[in-house]
Amino acid sequence: QVQLAESGGGLVQAGESLRLSCAASGRTFNMYVIAWFRQAPGKEREFVARINRNGGRTFYADSVKGRFTISRDNAKKAVYLQMNSLKPEDTATYYCAAQYGVIWDETRDPQYWGQGTQVTVSS
């Protein structure tokens, strides 16, 4: 079993940066693909980025490509989301999620979710 806890959210101005962290518990963290999602008020949850088990492969939503970077440190059981050049439309609650397996299977829900961290970008 894996428990996830996000941190690092806050209020920033457009153009600034934030680094989100997703801390995990559990002995099998390195067996999970980890993804970041976000949900803005009144909108559906959307995919942001994901990283494979050893950190060697990443994938981003077009809306964040070139601005956000996902990384992971399996020794620390943590995944990070470095967010640069933030825009007001990045305002949302950000969640990390874990799916067991080698690659992300979009036909299945992640097994575990964190509670979320709020990111607010003012213009």
N, C-alpha and C. Protein backbone atom coordinates (compact mmCIF):
# COMPACT_ATOMS: atom_id res chain seq x y z
N GLN A 1 0.85 -1.19 0.00
CA GLN A 1 0.00 0.00 0.00
C GLN A 1 0.88 1.24 0.00
N VAL A 2 0.39 2.28 -0.66
CA VAL A 2 1.14 3.53 -0.77
C VAL A 2 0.24 4.67 -0.31
N GLN A 3 0.78 5.54 0.51
CA GLN A 3 0.10 6.76 0.89
C GLN A 3 0.87 7.94 0.31
N LEU A 4 0.13 8.90 -0.21
CA LEU A 4 0.74 10.04 -0.88
C LEU A 4 0.34 11.33 -0.18
N ALA A 5 1.28 12.26 -0.08
CA ALA A 5 1.00 13.55 0.54
C ALA A 5 1.69 14.64 -0.25
N GLU A 6 0.90 15.55 -0.79
CA GLU A 6 1.44 16.66 -1.57
C GLU A 6 1.76 17.85 -0.67
N SER A 7 2.71 18.64 -1.10
CA SER A 7 3.04 19.88 -0.42
C SER A 7 3.68 20.83 -1.41
N GLY A 8 3.83 22.08 -0.99
CA GLY A 8 4.53 23.05 -1.83
C GLY A 8 3.65 24.04 -2.56
N GLY A 9 2.34 23.87 -2.43
CA GLY A 9 1.45 24.81 -3.09
C GLY A 9 1.49 26.18 -2.44
N GLY A 10 0.87 27.15 -3.08
CA GLY A 10 0.83 28.49 -2.52
C GLY A 10 0.29 29.49 -3.51
N LEU A 11 0.42 30.75 -3.14
CA LEU A 11 -0.03 31.86 -3.97
C LEU A 11 1.19 32.55 -4.56
N VAL A 12 1.23 32.63 -5.89
CA VAL A 12 2.33 33.29 -6.57
C VAL A 12 1.78 34.18 -7.67
N GLN A 13 2.64 35.04 -8.19
CA GLN A 13 2.24 35.88 -9.31
C GLN A 13 2.61 35.20 -10.62
N ALA A 14 1.93 35.62 -11.66
CA ALA A 14 2.21 35.08 -12.99
C ALA A 14 3.69 35.26 -13.32
N GLY A 15 4.27 34.22 -13.90
CA GLY A 15 5.68 34.26 -14.25
C GLY A 15 6.60 33.67 -13.20
N GLU A 16 6.09 33.49 -12.00
CA GLU A 16 6.92 32.93 -10.93
C GLU A 16 6.90 31.41 -10.96
N SER A 17 7.62 30.82 -10.01
CA SER A 17 7.78 29.36 -9.99
C SER A 17 7.34 28.79 -8.65
N LEU A 18 6.99 27.53 -8.69
CA LEU A 18 6.71 26.74 -7.49
C LEU A 18 7.22 25.33 -7.72
N ARG A 19 7.58 24.68 -6.62
CA ARG A 19 7.97 23.27 -6.70
C ARG A 19 7.08 22.47 -5.78
N LEU A 20 6.31 21.59 -6.36
CA LEU A 20 5.44 20.72 -5.59
C LEU A 20 6.17 19.42 -5.27
N SER A 21 5.86 18.88 -4.11
CA SER A 21 6.43 17.60 -3.71
C SER A 21 5.30 16.62 -3.42
N CYS A 22 5.57 15.37 -3.70
CA CYS A 22 4.64 14.30 -3.38
C CYS A 22 5.44 13.26 -2.61
N ALA A 23 5.20 13.20 -1.31
CA ALA A 23 5.92 12.27 -0.45
C ALA A 23 5.10 10.99 -0.29
N ALA A 24 5.78 9.86 -0.42
CA ALA A 24 5.08 8.58 -0.37
C ALA A 24 5.57 7.73 0.79
N SER A 25 4.67 6.92 1.28
CA SER A 25 5.05 5.90 2.24
C SER A 25 4.79 4.54 1.61
N GLY A 26 5.40 3.52 2.15
CA GLY A 26 5.22 2.18 1.58
C GLY A 26 6.50 1.66 0.99
N ARG A 27 6.67 0.38 1.06
CA ARG A 27 7.93 -0.22 0.66
C ARG A 27 8.06 -0.41 -0.84
N THR A 28 6.95 -0.31 -1.57
CA THR A 28 6.99 -0.62 -3.00
C THR A 28 6.82 0.61 -3.87
N PHE A 29 7.22 1.76 -3.37
CA PHE A 29 7.04 3.01 -4.12
C PHE A 29 7.63 2.91 -5.50
N ASN A 30 8.78 2.27 -5.64
CA ASN A 30 9.44 2.22 -6.95
C ASN A 30 8.78 1.27 -7.93
N MET A 31 7.66 0.66 -7.53
CA MET A 31 6.91 -0.19 -8.43
C MET A 31 5.73 0.56 -9.06
N TYR A 32 5.62 1.85 -8.77
CA TYR A 32 4.48 2.64 -9.23
C TYR A 32 4.90 3.73 -10.20
N VAL A 33 4.11 3.88 -11.23
CA VAL A 33 4.19 5.08 -12.08
C VAL A 33 3.45 6.19 -11.32
N ILE A 34 4.03 7.37 -11.32
CA ILE A 34 3.44 8.48 -10.58
C ILE A 34 3.04 9.58 -11.55
N ALA A 35 1.88 10.14 -11.31
CA ALA A 35 1.38 11.22 -12.17
C ALA A 35 0.88 12.38 -11.32
N TRP A 36 0.92 13.54 -11.92
CA TRP A 36 0.30 14.73 -11.34
C TRP A 36 -0.95 15.06 -12.16
N PHE A 37 -2.00 15.38 -11.45
CA PHE A 37 -3.24 15.86 -12.04
C PHE A 37 -3.58 17.20 -11.37
N ARG A 38 -4.51 17.91 -11.97
CA ARG A 38 -4.98 19.14 -11.33
C ARG A 38 -6.47 19.32 -11.62
N GLN A 39 -7.10 20.05 -10.73
CA GLN A 39 -8.52 20.32 -10.91
C GLN A 39 -8.81 21.75 -10.47
N ALA A 40 -9.31 22.53 -11.39
CA ALA A 40 -9.71 23.90 -11.10
C ALA A 40 -11.19 23.91 -10.74
N PRO A 41 -11.61 24.93 -9.99
CA PRO A 41 -13.04 25.00 -9.60
C PRO A 41 -13.95 24.98 -10.82
N GLY A 42 -14.93 24.12 -10.77
CA GLY A 42 -15.90 24.03 -11.85
C GLY A 42 -15.42 23.30 -13.09
N LYS A 43 -14.23 22.74 -13.02
CA LYS A 43 -13.68 22.04 -14.18
C LYS A 43 -13.37 20.60 -13.81
N GLU A 44 -13.23 19.78 -14.85
CA GLU A 44 -12.87 18.39 -14.62
C GLU A 44 -11.39 18.28 -14.30
N ARG A 45 -11.08 17.21 -13.60
CA ARG A 45 -9.68 16.95 -13.32
C ARG A 45 -8.94 16.67 -14.62
N GLU A 46 -7.72 17.19 -14.72
CA GLU A 46 -6.94 16.97 -15.94
C GLU A 46 -5.55 16.50 -15.62
N PHE A 47 -5.03 15.73 -16.52
CA PHE A 47 -3.67 15.21 -16.41
C PHE A 47 -2.66 16.33 -16.61
N VAL A 48 -1.58 16.29 -15.85
CA VAL A 48 -0.51 17.28 -15.97
C VAL A 48 0.79 16.64 -16.45
N ALA A 49 1.26 15.63 -15.73
CA ALA A 49 2.54 15.01 -16.07
C ALA A 49 2.63 13.65 -15.39
N ARG A 50 3.47 12.77 -15.93
CA ARG A 50 3.72 11.50 -15.26
C ARG A 50 5.16 11.08 -15.49
N ILE A 51 5.60 10.17 -14.64
CA ILE A 51 6.98 9.70 -14.70
C ILE A 51 7.00 8.20 -14.42
N ASN A 52 7.83 7.48 -15.16
CA ASN A 52 7.85 6.03 -14.99
C ASN A 52 8.61 5.65 -13.74
N ARG A 53 8.73 4.36 -13.52
CA ARG A 53 9.19 3.89 -12.22
C ARG A 53 10.63 4.28 -11.91
N ASN A 54 11.49 4.30 -12.92
CA ASN A 54 12.88 4.65 -12.63
C ASN A 54 13.21 6.09 -12.96
N GLY A 55 12.22 6.85 -13.37
CA GLY A 55 12.43 8.25 -13.65
C GLY A 55 12.99 8.55 -15.02
N GLY A 56 13.15 7.51 -15.82
CA GLY A 56 13.78 7.70 -17.11
C GLY A 56 12.87 8.17 -18.22
N ARG A 57 11.58 8.13 -17.97
CA ARG A 57 10.64 8.53 -19.01
C ARG A 57 9.56 9.40 -18.40
N THR A 58 9.30 10.52 -19.06
CA THR A 58 8.29 11.45 -18.59
C THR A 58 7.34 11.80 -19.72
N PHE A 59 6.19 12.31 -19.34
CA PHE A 59 5.18 12.69 -20.34
C PHE A 59 4.39 13.85 -19.76
N TYR A 60 4.09 14.84 -20.63
CA TYR A 60 3.45 16.06 -20.17
C TYR A 60 2.21 16.39 -21.00
N ALA A 61 1.30 17.06 -20.35
CA ALA A 61 0.19 17.65 -21.08
C ALA A 61 0.73 18.80 -21.92
N ASP A 62 0.12 19.03 -23.06
CA ASP A 62 0.60 20.11 -23.93
C ASP A 62 0.58 21.47 -23.23
N SER A 63 -0.38 21.64 -22.34
CA SER A 63 -0.55 22.94 -21.69
C SER A 63 0.60 23.29 -20.75
N VAL A 64 1.38 22.31 -20.35
CA VAL A 64 2.48 22.58 -19.40
C VAL A 64 3.85 22.23 -19.98
N LYS A 65 3.87 21.65 -21.16
CA LYS A 65 5.13 21.22 -21.75
C LYS A 65 6.06 22.41 -21.93
N GLY A 66 7.30 22.23 -21.51
CA GLY A 66 8.28 23.30 -21.60
C GLY A 66 8.31 24.21 -20.39
N ARG A 67 7.30 24.13 -19.54
CA ARG A 67 7.25 24.96 -18.33
C ARG A 67 7.36 24.13 -17.05
N PHE A 68 6.81 22.93 -17.07
CA PHE A 68 6.82 22.05 -15.91
C PHE A 68 7.80 20.90 -16.12
N THR A 69 8.40 20.46 -15.02
CA THR A 69 9.30 19.30 -15.06
C THR A 69 8.97 18.37 -13.91
N ILE A 70 8.72 17.12 -14.24
CA ILE A 70 8.47 16.12 -13.21
C ILE A 70 9.74 15.30 -12.99
N SER A 71 9.99 14.95 -11.75
CA SER A 71 11.15 14.13 -11.41
C SER A 71 10.80 13.29 -10.19
N ARG A 72 11.65 12.31 -9.94
CA ARG A 72 11.40 11.48 -8.77
C ARG A 72 12.72 11.04 -8.15
N ASP A 73 12.67 10.77 -6.86
CA ASP A 73 13.81 10.27 -6.11
C ASP A 73 13.29 9.06 -5.34
N ASN A 74 13.55 7.87 -5.86
CA ASN A 74 13.02 6.66 -5.24
C ASN A 74 13.62 6.41 -3.86
N ALA A 75 14.86 6.84 -3.67
CA ALA A 75 15.48 6.66 -2.34
C ALA A 75 14.74 7.47 -1.29
N LYS A 76 14.24 8.62 -1.68
CA LYS A 76 13.48 9.47 -0.75
C LYS A 76 11.97 9.22 -0.86
N LYS A 77 11.58 8.35 -1.76
CA LYS A 77 10.15 8.07 -1.98
C LYS A 77 9.39 9.37 -2.25
N ALA A 78 9.87 10.10 -3.21
CA ALA A 78 9.26 11.40 -3.50
C ALA A 78 9.24 11.66 -5.00
N VAL A 79 8.23 12.41 -5.40
CA VAL A 79 8.11 12.89 -6.77
C VAL A 79 7.93 14.40 -6.70
N TYR A 80 8.49 15.10 -7.64
CA TYR A 80 8.46 16.55 -7.63
C TYR A 80 7.86 17.07 -8.93
N LEU A 81 7.28 18.25 -8.84
CA LEU A 81 6.80 18.94 -10.02
C LEU A 81 7.30 20.37 -9.95
N GLN A 82 8.31 20.66 -10.75
CA GLN A 82 8.85 22.01 -10.83
C GLN A 82 8.02 22.77 -11.85
N MET A 83 7.42 23.85 -11.40
CA MET A 83 6.51 24.63 -12.26
C MET A 83 7.09 26.03 -12.44
N ASN A 84 7.47 26.32 -13.66
CA ASN A 84 8.04 27.63 -14.00
C ASN A 84 7.09 28.40 -14.90
N SER A 85 7.31 29.70 -14.98
CA SER A 85 6.50 30.56 -15.84
C SER A 85 5.02 30.31 -15.62
N LEU A 86 4.62 30.33 -14.37
CA LEU A 86 3.23 30.01 -14.05
C LEU A 86 2.28 31.05 -14.62
N LYS A 87 1.11 30.56 -14.99
CA LYS A 87 0.07 31.39 -15.57
C LYS A 87 -1.18 31.32 -14.70
N PRO A 88 -2.04 32.31 -14.77
CA PRO A 88 -3.29 32.24 -13.99
C PRO A 88 -4.10 30.97 -14.29
N GLU A 89 -4.03 30.50 -15.51
CA GLU A 89 -4.79 29.28 -15.85
C GLU A 89 -4.20 28.02 -15.23
N ASP A 90 -3.05 28.13 -14.59
CA ASP A 90 -2.49 26.99 -13.85
C ASP A 90 -3.10 26.87 -12.46
N THR A 91 -3.90 27.85 -12.08
CA THR A 91 -4.55 27.81 -10.77
C THR A 91 -5.44 26.58 -10.64
N ALA A 92 -5.19 25.79 -9.61
CA ALA A 92 -5.93 24.53 -9.41
C ALA A 92 -5.43 23.86 -8.14
N THR A 93 -6.15 22.82 -7.76
CA THR A 93 -5.63 21.92 -6.74
C THR A 93 -4.87 20.81 -7.46
N TYR A 94 -3.66 20.59 -7.05
CA TYR A 94 -2.78 19.62 -7.70
C TYR A 94 -2.71 18.35 -6.86
N TYR A 95 -2.87 17.23 -7.54
CA TYR A 95 -2.87 15.92 -6.89
C TYR A 95 -1.80 15.03 -7.50
N CYS A 96 -1.15 14.25 -6.68
CA CYS A 96 -0.32 13.19 -7.23
C CYS A 96 -1.07 11.87 -7.08
N ALA A 97 -0.78 10.96 -7.99
CA ALA A 97 -1.47 9.68 -8.04
C ALA A 97 -0.49 8.59 -8.41
N ALA A 98 -0.74 7.39 -7.92
CA ALA A 98 0.16 6.26 -8.16
C ALA A 98 -0.60 5.11 -8.80
N GLN A 99 0.00 4.56 -9.82
CA GLN A 99 -0.56 3.38 -10.48
C GLN A 99 0.50 2.29 -10.55
N TYR A 100 0.16 1.13 -10.09
CA TYR A 100 1.10 0.02 -10.09
C TYR A 100 1.30 -0.48 -11.50
N GLY A 101 2.57 -0.67 -11.86
CA GLY A 101 2.85 -1.22 -13.18
C GLY A 101 4.04 -0.56 -13.84
N VAL A 102 4.35 -1.07 -15.02
CA VAL A 102 5.51 -0.57 -15.75
C VAL A 102 5.19 0.70 -16.51
N ILE A 103 4.00 0.74 -17.11
CA ILE A 103 3.58 1.92 -17.84
C ILE A 103 2.20 2.33 -17.35
N TRP A 104 1.85 3.58 -17.59
CA TRP A 104 0.55 4.10 -17.17
C TRP A 104 -0.53 3.53 -18.08
N ASP A 105 -1.55 3.00 -17.46
CA ASP A 105 -2.68 2.44 -18.18
C ASP A 105 -3.86 3.39 -18.03
N GLU A 106 -4.19 4.08 -19.11
CA GLU A 106 -5.25 5.08 -19.04
C GLU A 106 -6.64 4.46 -18.91
N THR A 107 -6.75 3.15 -19.07
CA THR A 107 -8.04 2.50 -18.90
C THR A 107 -8.33 2.16 -17.44
N ARG A 108 -7.34 2.35 -16.60
CA ARG A 108 -7.51 2.06 -15.18
C ARG A 108 -7.27 3.31 -14.35
N ASP A 109 -8.02 3.44 -13.27
CA ASP A 109 -7.78 4.53 -12.33
C ASP A 109 -6.52 4.23 -11.53
N PRO A 110 -5.83 5.28 -11.10
CA PRO A 110 -4.71 5.06 -10.18
C PRO A 110 -5.21 4.39 -8.90
N GLN A 111 -4.33 3.61 -8.30
CA GLN A 111 -4.71 2.96 -7.05
C GLN A 111 -4.75 3.93 -5.87
N TYR A 112 -3.88 4.94 -5.93
CA TYR A 112 -3.75 5.83 -4.77
C TYR A 112 -3.71 7.28 -5.22
N TRP A 113 -4.28 8.13 -4.39
CA TRP A 113 -4.30 9.57 -4.60
C TRP A 113 -3.88 10.28 -3.31
N GLY A 114 -3.25 11.42 -3.50
CA GLY A 114 -2.99 12.28 -2.37
C GLY A 114 -4.19 13.19 -2.12
N GLN A 115 -4.07 14.01 -1.11
CA GLN A 115 -5.16 14.91 -0.72
C GLN A 115 -5.16 16.22 -1.51
N GLY A 116 -4.07 16.52 -2.15
CA GLY A 116 -4.01 17.72 -2.98
C GLY A 116 -3.34 18.90 -2.30
N THR A 117 -2.80 19.79 -3.12
CA THR A 117 -2.22 21.03 -2.63
C THR A 117 -2.67 22.14 -3.58
N GLN A 118 -3.05 23.27 -3.02
CA GLN A 118 -3.61 24.36 -3.80
C GLN A 118 -2.53 25.25 -4.39
N VAL A 119 -2.66 25.53 -5.67
CA VAL A 119 -1.78 26.46 -6.36
C VAL A 119 -2.65 27.59 -6.91
N THR A 120 -2.32 28.80 -6.55
CA THR A 120 -3.05 29.96 -7.05
C THR A 120 -2.07 30.93 -7.69
N VAL A 121 -2.34 31.28 -8.94
CA VAL A 121 -1.47 32.17 -9.68
C VAL A 121 -2.26 33.44 -10.00
N SER A 122 -1.79 34.55 -9.49
CA SER A 122 -2.47 35.82 -9.73
C SER A 122 -1.86 36.51 -10.94
N SER A 123 -2.68 37.28 -11.61
CA SER A 123 -2.22 37.98 -12.82
C SER A 123 -1.66 39.35 -12.50
